[in-house]
Amino acid sequence: VVAPHTQPRIFPQTILEFLKKRTRKLDAVVISGGEPTLQDKLFHFAKEIKALQYKIKLDTNGSNPKVVEQLYSEGLIDCIGIDWKAPRHKYRKMTGEHVPENIAEIVYKTISFAVDKNLHMDIRTTVHKELLSEEDLKTMKNELQDIGVKEWTLQQFHHADLIDDSLKDKETYSDHELAKFAKQLGNNTKVRGINVSVSK
């Protein structure tokens, strides 16, 4: 992200050749990013993968609902992973001034579409104490429930490969605290990236 020129470039054909060799060993492919919906060749790439009989999961920040809708209408996605980063009233502050003022509504629209189409979803939020309070998480849970999201996953923050170095030395929630939040929120709130179990 910070220095893309330092990374090797892998061409789509290389990936497709690999997938051809694995057709009886793999079932699905995840297209992620960066933000894959910004790639102008996404549709062609997804069609090539589908031609090999793979299912496709799209990992997205939800900022391009029209692209998601078109992918779905053309039968090019079977599952979607969406980051729900903050309560609606804090969303733009969390994501930066370079995004549209109505970014929360745009992402909300993407999630609503997935719910309406009964598309298998992985809705997740990475949680850091400096950015999200317990009250924020309750608000987010209610916002997701309002549009019919049945399952939500809280992800533990890990101090590795940070873009925002200001979080490097800031205290975040412990695994026990995050597990407790998930239990209190209930209604199929899960947690990943921790080393303790969430007792029911």
Foldseek 3Di string as FASTA:
>chain_A
DVCVVVDDDDDLVNVLVVCLVCLVPDAADEDEDPALLVDPCSLVSLVSNVVSVHAYEYEHQQQCLVSVVVCVVVVRHQEYEHEPEWQQVCVDVVVDPVHDPNSNVSSLVNLLVCVVVVRHYAYEYEFFVVRADLVGVLNVLVSCVVSPDQAYEYEYDDLPPDPDCVCNPPHGDALVVVLVSQVVSDRHYHYDDHDDDNDD
